[in-house]
Amino acid sequence: MPSKILILREDKPAIGKVVGDVVDIIDSNQFEGSEVQAMGKSYVRVISDISEELKEEFISGAKRFRSPDLEDPFYKELLTNTYVEVTEEVLLNYVELV
């Protein structure tokens, strides 16, 4: 089943998180919570069928999404709509080690 990856789109110094950090990964059909929905400017969602290994790397903070290139179609769609659906293969092009 695809997962919904919740990613910060602004720095959160109070919790030590920065743009691109994954804050949670849930089932794609699960409601992400009123905080994420109400603070749409703070979070974006990527929906993808990803491996357990990649989920662990995101949640542990070993990997995050790299800084957005606003000319890239992936980021244009993500930042415009606050969500995008992609395969893990595509997703890996936008991930970096911390």
PDB file of N, CA and C in Angstrom:
ATOM      1  N   MET A   1       0.842  -1.179   0.000  1.00  0.00           N
ATOM      2  CA  MET A   1       0.000   0.000   0.000  1.00  0.00           C
ATOM      3  C   MET A   1       0.892   1.249   0.000  1.00  0.00           C
ATOM      4  N   PRO A   2       0.543   2.237  -0.797  1.00  0.00           N
ATOM      5  CA  PRO A   2       1.332   3.476  -0.809  1.00  0.00           C
ATOM      6  C   PRO A   2       1.312   4.175   0.550  1.00  0.00           C
ATOM      7  N   SER A   3       2.350   4.946   0.785  1.00  0.00           N
ATOM      8  CA  SER A   3       2.478   5.706   2.027  1.00  0.00           C
ATOM      9  C   SER A   3       2.388   7.189   1.744  1.00  0.00           C
ATOM     10  N   LYS A   4       1.962   7.940   2.745  1.00  0.00           N
ATOM     11  CA  LYS A   4       1.923   9.394   2.673  1.00  0.00           C
ATOM     12  C   LYS A   4       3.093   9.895   3.519  1.00  0.00           C
ATOM     13  N   ILE A   5       4.043  10.568   2.866  1.00  0.00           N
ATOM     14  CA  ILE A   5       5.234  11.074   3.531  1.00  0.00           C
ATOM     15  C   ILE A   5       5.011  12.556   3.806  1.00  0.00           C
ATOM     16  N   LEU A   6       5.064  12.942   5.077  1.00  0.00           N
ATOM     17  CA  LEU A   6       4.831  14.337   5.467  1.00  0.00           C
ATOM     18  C   LEU A   6       6.178  15.025   5.641  1.00  0.00           C
ATOM     19  N   ILE A   7       6.393  16.087   4.882  1.00  0.00           N
ATOM     20  CA  ILE A   7       7.696  16.750   4.797  1.00  0.00           C
ATOM     21  C   ILE A   7       7.549  18.222   5.177  1.00  0.00           C
ATOM     22  N   LEU A   8       8.507  18.720   5.944  1.00  0.00           N
ATOM     23  CA  LEU A   8       8.492  20.141   6.308  1.00  0.00           C
ATOM     24  C   LEU A   8       8.872  21.006   5.119  1.00  0.00           C
ATOM     25  N   ARG A   9       8.179  22.112   4.963  1.00  0.00           N
ATOM     26  CA  ARG A   9       8.542  23.078   3.934  1.00  0.00           C
ATOM     27  C   ARG A   9       9.011  24.390   4.548  1.00  0.00           C
ATOM     28  N   GLU A  10       9.220  24.383   5.867  1.00  0.00           N
ATOM     29  CA  GLU A  10       9.834  25.536   6.539  1.00  0.00           C
ATOM     30  C   GLU A  10      10.589  25.024   7.757  1.00  0.00           C
ATOM     31  N   ASP A  11      11.616  25.743   8.164  1.00  0.00           N
ATOM     32  CA  ASP A  11      12.417  25.349   9.332  1.00  0.00           C
ATOM     33  C   ASP A  11      11.578  25.431  10.608  1.00  0.00           C
ATOM     34  N   LYS A  12      11.833  24.508  11.523  1.00  0.00           N
ATOM     35  CA  LYS A  12      11.169  24.467  12.831  1.00  0.00           C
ATOM     36  C   LYS A  12      12.248  24.392  13.913  1.00  0.00           C
ATOM     37  N   PRO A  13      12.898  25.512  14.217  1.00  0.00           N
ATOM     38  CA  PRO A  13      14.005  25.509  15.185  1.00  0.00           C
ATOM     39  C   PRO A  13      13.614  24.944  16.550  1.00  0.00           C
ATOM     40  N   ALA A  14      12.373  25.131  16.960  1.00  0.00           N
ATOM     41  CA  ALA A  14      11.943  24.656  18.278  1.00  0.00           C
ATOM     42  C   ALA A  14      12.051  23.140  18.416  1.00  0.00           C
ATOM     43  N   ILE A  15      11.930  22.433  17.301  1.00  0.00           N
ATOM     44  CA  ILE A  15      12.046  20.966  17.354  1.00  0.00           C
ATOM     45  C   ILE A  15      13.288  20.461  16.615  1.00  0.00           C
ATOM     46  N   GLY A  16      14.132  21.381  16.173  1.00  0.00           N
ATOM     47  CA  GLY A  16      15.379  20.996  15.522  1.00  0.00           C
ATOM     48  C   GLY A  16      15.206  20.386  14.146  1.00  0.00           C
ATOM     49  N   LYS A  17      14.169  20.775  13.437  1.00  0.00           N
ATOM     50  CA  LYS A  17      13.901  20.239  12.099  1.00  0.00           C
ATOM     51  C   LYS A  17      14.050  21.348  11.071  1.00  0.00           C
ATOM     52  N   VAL A  18      14.426  20.949   9.854  1.00  0.00           N
ATOM     53  CA  VAL A  18      14.633  21.909   8.773  1.00  0.00           C
ATOM     54  C   VAL A  18      13.833  21.492   7.545  1.00  0.00           C
ATOM     55  N   VAL A  19      13.760  22.391   6.567  1.00  0.00           N
ATOM     56  CA  VAL A  19      13.078  22.118   5.306  1.00  0.00           C
ATOM     57  C   VAL A  19      13.595  20.806   4.724  1.00  0.00           C
ATOM     58  N   GLY A  20      12.671  19.943   4.337  1.00  0.00           N
ATOM     59  CA  GLY A  20      13.041  18.667   3.731  1.00  0.00           C
ATOM     60  C   GLY A  20      13.016  17.499   4.687  1.00  0.00           C
ATOM     61  N   ASP A  21      12.997  17.772   6.005  1.00  0.00           N
ATOM     62  CA  ASP A  21      12.918  16.679   6.976  1.00  0.00           C
ATOM     63  C   ASP A  21      11.545  16.018   6.912  1.00  0.00           C
ATOM     64  N   VAL A  22      11.540  14.698   7.024  1.00  0.00           N
ATOM     65  CA  VAL A  22      10.294  13.942   7.076  1.00  0.00           C
ATOM     66  C   VAL A  22       9.834  13.907   8.525  1.00  0.00           C
ATOM     67  N   VAL A  23       8.599  14.326   8.767  1.00  0.00           N
ATOM     68  CA  VAL A  23       8.079  14.345  10.131  1.00  0.00           C
ATOM     69  C   VAL A  23       7.234  13.124  10.450  1.00  0.00           C
ATOM     70  N   ASP A  24       6.689  12.466   9.426  1.00  0.00           N
ATOM     71  CA  ASP A  24       5.915  11.249   9.661  1.00  0.00           C
ATOM     72  C   ASP A  24       5.653  10.553   8.333  1.00  0.00           C
ATOM     73  N   ILE A  25       5.398   9.254   8.415  1.00  0.00           N
ATOM     74  CA  ILE A  25       5.002   8.464   7.255  1.00  0.00           C
ATOM     75  C   ILE A  25       3.809   7.627   7.697  1.00  0.00           C
ATOM     76  N   ILE A  26       2.699   7.780   6.992  1.00  0.00           N
ATOM     77  CA  ILE A  26       1.470   7.066   7.339  1.00  0.00           C
ATOM     78  C   ILE A  26       0.888   6.417   6.081  1.00  0.00           C
ATOM     79  N   ASP A  27      -0.103   5.543   6.244  1.00  0.00           N
ATOM     80  CA  ASP A  27      -0.791   4.968   5.089  1.00  0.00           C
ATOM     81  C   ASP A  27      -1.419   6.076   4.274  1.00  0.00           C
ATOM     82  N   SER A  28      -1.422   5.916   2.958  1.00  0.00           N
ATOM     83  CA  SER A  28      -1.912   6.985   2.083  1.00  0.00           C
ATOM     84  C   SER A  28      -3.384   7.313   2.295  1.00  0.00           C
ATOM     85  N   ASN A  29      -4.161   6.356   2.799  1.00  0.00           N
ATOM     86  CA  ASN A  29      -5.585   6.634   3.014  1.00  0.00           C
ATOM     87  C   ASN A  29      -5.877   7.131   4.427  1.00  0.00           C
ATOM     88  N   GLN A  30      -4.834   7.277   5.245  1.00  0.00           N
ATOM     89  CA  GLN A  30      -5.003   7.757   6.626  1.00  0.00           C
ATOM     90  C   GLN A  30      -4.974   9.284   6.654  1.00  0.00           C
ATOM     91  N   PHE A  31      -5.841   9.880   7.462  1.00  0.00           N
ATOM     92  CA  PHE A  31      -5.875  11.330   7.631  1.00  0.00           C
ATOM     93  C   PHE A  31      -4.623  11.769   8.378  1.00  0.00           C
ATOM     94  N   GLU A  32      -3.950  12.771   7.878  1.00  0.00           N
ATOM     95  CA  GLU A  32      -2.664  13.188   8.457  1.00  0.00           C
ATOM     96  C   GLU A  32      -2.788  14.069   9.682  1.00  0.00           C
ATOM     97  N   GLY A  33      -3.988  14.462  10.018  1.00  0.00           N
ATOM     98  CA  GLY A  33      -4.177  15.258  11.229  1.00  0.00           C
ATOM     99  C   GLY A  33      -4.512  16.694  10.920  1.00  0.00           C
ATOM    100  N   SER A  34      -5.248  17.313  11.820  1.00  0.00           N
ATOM    101  CA  SER A  34      -5.705  18.679  11.589  1.00  0.00           C
ATOM    102  C   SER A  34      -4.566  19.690  11.599  1.00  0.00           C
ATOM    103  N   GLU A  35      -3.481  19.404  12.352  1.00  0.00           N
ATOM    104  CA  GLU A  35      -2.356  20.341  12.379  1.00  0.00           C
ATOM    105  C   GLU A  35      -1.713  20.451  11.005  1.00  0.00           C
ATOM    106  N   VAL A  36      -1.471  19.311  10.368  1.00  0.00           N
ATOM    107  CA  VAL A  36      -0.855  19.324   9.040  1.00  0.00           C
ATOM    108  C   VAL A  36      -1.801  19.971   8.045  1.00  0.00           C
ATOM    109  N   GLN A  37      -3.077  19.651   8.125  1.00  0.00           N
ATOM    110  CA  GLN A  37      -4.038  20.213   7.193  1.00  0.00           C
ATOM    111  C   GLN A  37      -4.190  21.721   7.395  1.00  0.00           C
ATOM    112  N   ALA A  38      -4.288  22.150   8.633  1.00  0.00           N
ATOM    113  CA  ALA A  38      -4.465  23.572   8.923  1.00  0.00           C
ATOM    114  C   ALA A  38      -3.210  24.376   8.603  1.00  0.00           C
ATOM    115  N   MET A  39      -2.053  23.758   8.759  1.00  0.00           N
ATOM    116  CA  MET A  39      -0.796  24.458   8.510  1.00  0.00           C
ATOM    117  C   MET A  39      -0.230  24.032   7.162  1.00  0.00           C
ATOM    118  N   GLY A  40      -1.047  24.080   6.130  1.00  0.00           N
ATOM    119  CA  GLY A  40      -0.651  23.636   4.802  1.00  0.00           C
ATOM    120  C   GLY A  40       0.610  24.298   4.282  1.00  0.00           C
ATOM    121  N   LYS A  41       0.914  25.479   4.791  1.00  0.00           N
ATOM    122  CA  LYS A  41       2.128  26.154   4.345  1.00  0.00           C
ATOM    123  C   LYS A  41       3.369  25.545   4.964  1.00  0.00           C
ATOM    124  N   SER A  42       3.212  24.797   6.040  1.00  0.00           N
ATOM    125  CA  SER A  42       4.358  24.223   6.737  1.00  0.00           C
ATOM    126  C   SER A  42       4.730  22.833   6.250  1.00  0.00           C
ATOM    127  N   TYR A  43       3.776  22.132   5.673  1.00  0.00           N
ATOM    128  CA  TYR A  43       3.991  20.740   5.287  1.00  0.00           C
ATOM    129  C   TYR A  43       3.592  20.489   3.836  1.00  0.00           C
ATOM    130  N   VAL A  44       4.238  19.498   3.232  1.00  0.00           N
ATOM    131  CA  VAL A  44       3.819  18.964   1.941  1.00  0.00           C
ATOM    132  C   VAL A  44       3.753  17.453   2.087  1.00  0.00           C
ATOM    133  N   ARG A  45       3.075  16.802   1.143  1.00  0.00           N
ATOM    134  CA  ARG A  45       2.893  15.359   1.206  1.00  0.00           C
ATOM    135  C   ARG A  45       3.364  14.731  -0.097  1.00  0.00           C
ATOM    136  N   VAL A  46       4.141  13.654   0.023  1.00  0.00           N
ATOM    137  CA  VAL A  46       4.512  12.850  -1.132  1.00  0.00           C
ATOM    138  C   VAL A  46       3.882  11.484  -0.922  1.00  0.00           C
ATOM    139  N   ILE A  47       3.135  11.028  -1.915  1.00  0.00           N
ATOM    140  CA  ILE A  47       2.508   9.715  -1.835  1.00  0.00           C
ATOM    141  C   ILE A  47       3.281   8.772  -2.741  1.00  0.00           C
ATOM    142  N   SER A  48       3.799   7.690  -2.140  1.00  0.00           N
ATOM    143  CA  SER A  48       4.630   6.758  -2.875  1.00  0.00           C
ATOM    144  C   SER A  48       4.622   5.406  -2.183  1.00  0.00           C
ATOM    145  N   ASP A  49       4.817   4.366  -2.962  1.00  0.00           N
ATOM    146  CA  ASP A  49       4.948   3.016  -2.417  1.00  0.00           C
ATOM    147  C   ASP A  49       6.441   2.809  -2.159  1.00  0.00           C
ATOM    148  N   ILE A  50       6.887   3.041  -0.924  1.00  0.00           N
ATOM    149  CA  ILE A  50       8.319   2.992  -0.619  1.00  0.00           C
ATOM    150  C   ILE A  50       8.653   1.801   0.274  1.00  0.00           C
ATOM    151  N   SER A  51       9.915   1.409   0.233  1.00  0.00           N
ATOM    152  CA  SER A  51      10.388   0.265   1.007  1.00  0.00           C
ATOM    153  C   SER A  51      10.445   0.594   2.500  1.00  0.00           C
ATOM    154  N   GLU A  52      10.414  -0.445   3.312  1.00  0.00           N
ATOM    155  CA  GLU A  52      10.534  -0.272   4.764  1.00  0.00           C
ATOM    156  C   GLU A  52      11.884   0.357   5.113  1.00  0.00           C
ATOM    157  N   GLU A  53      12.922  -0.012   4.374  1.00  0.00           N
ATOM    158  CA  GLU A  53      14.267   0.535   4.624  1.00  0.00           C
ATOM    159  C   GLU A  53      14.286   2.049   4.440  1.00  0.00           C
ATOM    160  N   LEU A  54      13.676   2.523   3.351  1.00  0.00           N
ATOM    161  CA  LEU A  54      13.645   3.964   3.099  1.00  0.00           C
ATOM    162  C   LEU A  54      12.793   4.676   4.154  1.00  0.00           C
ATOM    163  N   LYS A  55      11.684   4.063   4.563  1.00  0.00           N
ATOM    164  CA  LYS A  55      10.867   4.639   5.625  1.00  0.00           C
ATOM    165  C   LYS A  55      11.699   4.846   6.885  1.00  0.00           C
ATOM    166  N   GLU A  56      12.461   3.828   7.268  1.00  0.00           N
ATOM    167  CA  GLU A  56      13.298   3.914   8.470  1.00  0.00           C
ATOM    168  C   GLU A  56      14.348   5.006   8.340  1.00  0.00           C
ATOM    169  N   GLU A  57      14.943   5.144   7.154  1.00  0.00           N
ATOM    170  CA  GLU A  57      15.962   6.177   6.940  1.00  0.00           C
ATOM    171  C   GLU A  57      15.361   7.580   7.044  1.00  0.00           C
ATOM    172  N   PHE A  58      14.143   7.746   6.546  1.00  0.00           N
ATOM    173  CA  PHE A  58      13.459   9.038   6.668  1.00  0.00           C
ATOM    174  C   PHE A  58      13.131   9.342   8.128  1.00  0.00           C
ATOM    175  N   ILE A  59      12.502   8.399   8.811  1.00  0.00           N
ATOM    176  CA  ILE A  59      12.060   8.624  10.191  1.00  0.00           C
ATOM    177  C   ILE A  59      13.241   8.823  11.136  1.00  0.00           C
ATOM    178  N   SER A  60      14.344   8.118  10.903  1.00  0.00           N
ATOM    179  CA  SER A  60      15.519   8.259  11.769  1.00  0.00           C
ATOM    180  C   SER A  60      16.261   9.575  11.520  1.00  0.00           C
ATOM    181  N   GLY A  61      15.978  10.216  10.394  1.00  0.00           N
ATOM    182  CA  GLY A  61      16.668  11.457  10.055  1.00  0.00           C
ATOM    183  C   GLY A  61      17.936  11.250   9.252  1.00  0.00           C
ATOM    184  N   ALA A  62      18.202  10.002   8.834  1.00  0.00           N
ATOM    185  CA  ALA A  62      19.396   9.716   8.031  1.00  0.00           C
ATOM    186  C   ALA A  62      19.270  10.289   6.620  1.00  0.00           C
ATOM    187  N   LYS A  63      18.034  10.377   6.133  1.00  0.00           N
ATOM    188  CA  LYS A  63      17.778  10.938   4.803  1.00  0.00           C
ATOM    189  C   LYS A  63      16.675  11.977   4.912  1.00  0.00           C
ATOM    190  N   ARG A  64      16.686  12.920   3.972  1.00  0.00           N
ATOM    191  CA  ARG A  64      15.642  13.928   3.869  1.00  0.00           C
ATOM    192  C   ARG A  64      15.542  14.352   2.409  1.00  0.00           C
ATOM    193  N   PHE A  65      14.566  15.195   2.129  1.00  0.00           N
ATOM    194  CA  PHE A  65      14.419  15.716   0.775  1.00  0.00           C
ATOM    195  C   PHE A  65      15.371  16.888   0.596  1.00  0.00           C
ATOM    196  N   ARG A  66      16.026  16.934  -0.562  1.00  0.00           N
ATOM    197  CA  ARG A  66      16.979  18.019  -0.795  1.00  0.00           C
ATOM    198  C   ARG A  66      16.241  19.323  -1.066  1.00  0.00           C
ATOM    199  N   SER A  67      16.972  20.418  -0.983  1.00  0.00           N
ATOM    200  CA  SER A  67      16.371  21.743  -1.187  1.00  0.00           C
ATOM    201  C   SER A  67      15.693  21.818  -2.545  1.00  0.00           C
ATOM    202  N   PRO A  68      14.522  22.431  -2.599  1.00  0.00           N
ATOM    203  CA  PRO A  68      13.763  22.471  -3.849  1.00  0.00           C
ATOM    204  C   PRO A  68      14.401  23.329  -4.922  1.00  0.00           C
ATOM    205  N   ASP A  69      14.337  22.810  -6.135  1.00  0.00           N
ATOM    206  CA  ASP A  69      14.687  23.573  -7.324  1.00  0.00           C
ATOM    207  C   ASP A  69      13.351  23.957  -7.947  1.00  0.00           C
ATOM    208  N   LEU A  70      12.993  25.207  -7.847  1.00  0.00           N
ATOM    209  CA  LEU A  70      11.669  25.641  -8.258  1.00  0.00           C
ATOM    210  C   LEU A  70      11.399  25.476  -9.749  1.00  0.00           C
ATOM    211  N   GLU A  71      12.427  25.186 -10.534  1.00  0.00           N
ATOM    212  CA  GLU A  71      12.243  24.947 -11.963  1.00  0.00           C
ATOM    213  C   GLU A  71      11.954  23.471 -12.252  1.00  0.00           C
ATOM    214  N   ASP A  72      12.143  22.605 -11.277  1.00  0.00           N
ATOM    215  CA  ASP A  72      11.943  21.171 -11.459  1.00  0.00           C
ATOM    216  C   ASP A  72      10.445  20.853 -11.391  1.00  0.00           C
ATOM    217  N   PRO A  73       9.903  20.090 -12.344  1.00  0.00           N
ATOM    218  CA  PRO A  73       8.465  19.775 -12.356  1.00  0.00           C
ATOM    219  C   PRO A  73       7.983  19.086 -11.081  1.00  0.00           C
ATOM    220  N   PHE A  74       8.815  18.227 -10.467  1.00  0.00           N
ATOM    221  CA  PHE A  74       8.453  17.555  -9.219  1.00  0.00           C
ATOM    222  C   PHE A  74       8.165  18.588  -8.138  1.00  0.00           C
ATOM    223  N   TYR A  75       9.077  19.523  -7.957  1.00  0.00           N
ATOM    224  CA  TYR A  75       8.899  20.544  -6.922  1.00  0.00           C
ATOM    225  C   TYR A  75       7.804  21.540  -7.280  1.00  0.00           C
ATOM    226  N   LYS A  76       7.658  21.859  -8.551  1.00  0.00           N
ATOM    227  CA  LYS A  76       6.571  22.766  -8.956  1.00  0.00           C
ATOM    228  C   LYS A  76       5.231  22.181  -8.536  1.00  0.00           C
ATOM    229  N   GLU A  77       5.012  20.904  -8.849  1.00  0.00           N
ATOM    230  CA  GLU A  77       3.744  20.266  -8.488  1.00  0.00           C
ATOM    231  C   GLU A  77       3.607  20.141  -6.978  1.00  0.00           C
ATOM    232  N   LEU A  78       4.682  19.738  -6.304  1.00  0.00           N
ATOM    233  CA  LEU A  78       4.651  19.540  -4.860  1.00  0.00           C
ATOM    234  C   LEU A  78       4.336  20.842  -4.127  1.00  0.00           C
ATOM    235  N   LEU A  79       5.009  21.912  -4.488  1.00  0.00           N
ATOM    236  CA  LEU A  79       4.829  23.167  -3.780  1.00  0.00           C
ATOM    237  C   LEU A  79       3.537  23.890  -4.176  1.00  0.00           C
ATOM    238  N   THR A  80       3.054  23.649  -5.385  1.00  0.00           N
ATOM    239  CA  THR A  80       1.809  24.267  -5.829  1.00  0.00           C
ATOM    240  C   THR A  80       0.600  23.578  -5.210  1.00  0.00           C
ATOM    241  N   ASN A  81       0.617  22.244  -5.229  1.00  0.00           N
ATOM    242  CA  ASN A  81      -0.542  21.476  -4.768  1.00  0.00           C
ATOM    243  C   ASN A  81      -0.395  20.963  -3.337  1.00  0.00           C
ATOM    244  N   THR A  82       0.769  21.088  -2.761  1.00  0.00           N
ATOM    245  CA  THR A  82       1.178  20.557  -1.456  1.00  0.00           C
ATOM    246  C   THR A  82       1.194  19.036  -1.402  1.00  0.00           C
ATOM    247  N   TYR A  83       1.037  18.377  -2.546  1.00  0.00           N
ATOM    248  CA  TYR A  83       1.236  16.930  -2.583  1.00  0.00           C
ATOM    249  C   TYR A  83       1.600  16.510  -4.007  1.00  0.00           C
ATOM    250  N   VAL A  84       2.244  15.348  -4.113  1.00  0.00           N
ATOM    251  CA  VAL A  84       2.572  14.759  -5.406  1.00  0.00           C
ATOM    252  C   VAL A  84       2.615  13.248  -5.215  1.00  0.00           C
ATOM    253  N   GLU A  85       2.230  12.501  -6.251  1.00  0.00           N
ATOM    254  CA  GLU A  85       2.299  11.044  -6.220  1.00  0.00           C
ATOM    255  C   GLU A  85       3.377  10.600  -7.194  1.00  0.00           C
ATOM    256  N   VAL A  86       4.339   9.791  -6.682  1.00  0.00           N
ATOM    257  CA  VAL A  86       5.450   9.322  -7.512  1.00  0.00           C
ATOM    258  C   VAL A  86       5.840   7.903  -7.114  1.00  0.00           C
ATOM    259  N   THR A  87       6.654   7.273  -7.972  1.00  0.00           N
ATOM    260  CA  THR A  87       7.207   5.965  -7.639  1.00  0.00           C
ATOM    261  C   THR A  87       8.448   6.158  -6.768  1.00  0.00           C
ATOM    262  N   GLU A  88       8.874   5.103  -6.091  1.00  0.00           N
ATOM    263  CA  GLU A  88      10.080   5.206  -5.273  1.00  0.00           C
ATOM    264  C   GLU A  88      11.293   5.541  -6.138  1.00  0.00           C
ATOM    265  N   GLU A  89      11.322   5.003  -7.344  1.00  0.00           N
ATOM    266  CA  GLU A  89      12.441   5.278  -8.252  1.00  0.00           C
ATOM    267  C   GLU A  89      12.586   6.776  -8.518  1.00  0.00           C
ATOM    268  N   VAL A  90      11.481   7.446  -8.799  1.00  0.00           N
ATOM    269  CA  VAL A  90      11.506   8.903  -9.003  1.00  0.00           C
ATOM    270  C   VAL A  90      11.847   9.614  -7.708  1.00  0.00           C
ATOM    271  N   LEU A  91      11.233   9.166  -6.624  1.00  0.00           N
ATOM    272  CA  LEU A  91      11.445   9.783  -5.307  1.00  0.00           C
ATOM    273  C   LEU A  91      12.921   9.831  -4.933  1.00  0.00           C
ATOM    274  N   LEU A  92      13.651   8.774  -5.223  1.00  0.00           N
ATOM    275  CA  LEU A  92      15.066   8.692  -4.837  1.00  0.00           C
ATOM    276  C   LEU A  92      15.926   9.774  -5.489  1.00  0.00           C
ATOM    277  N   ASN A  93      15.445  10.350  -6.579  1.00  0.00           N
ATOM    278  CA  ASN A  93      16.180  11.464  -7.222  1.00  0.00           C
ATOM    279  C   ASN A  93      16.134  12.737  -6.395  1.00  0.00           C
ATOM    280  N   TYR A  94      15.250  12.780  -5.394  1.00  0.00           N
ATOM    281  CA  TYR A  94      15.036  14.000  -4.612  1.00  0.00           C
ATOM    282  C   TYR A  94      15.412  13.819  -3.131  1.00  0.00           C
ATOM    283  N   VAL A  95      16.148  12.763  -2.850  1.00  0.00           N
ATOM    284  CA  VAL A  95      16.515  12.429  -1.479  1.00  0.00           C
ATOM    285  C   VAL A  95      18.018  12.601  -1.307  1.00  0.00           C
ATOM    286  N   GLU A  96      18.424  13.071  -0.125  1.00  0.00           N
ATOM    287  CA  GLU A  96      19.848  13.205   0.180  1.00  0.00           C
ATOM    288  C   GLU A  96      20.138  12.652   1.574  1.00  0.00           C
ATOM    289  N   LEU A  97      21.385  12.278   1.777  1.00  0.00           N
ATOM    290  CA  LEU A  97      21.843  11.872   3.107  1.00  0.00           C
ATOM    291  C   LEU A  97      22.017  13.102   3.957  1.00  0.00           C
ATOM    292  N   VAL A  98      21.754  12.981   5.233  1.00  0.00           N
ATOM    293  CA  VAL A  98      21.919  14.123   6.146  1.00  0.00           C
ATOM    294  C   VAL A  98      23.340  14.133   6.657  1.00  0.00           C
TER     295      VAL A  98
END
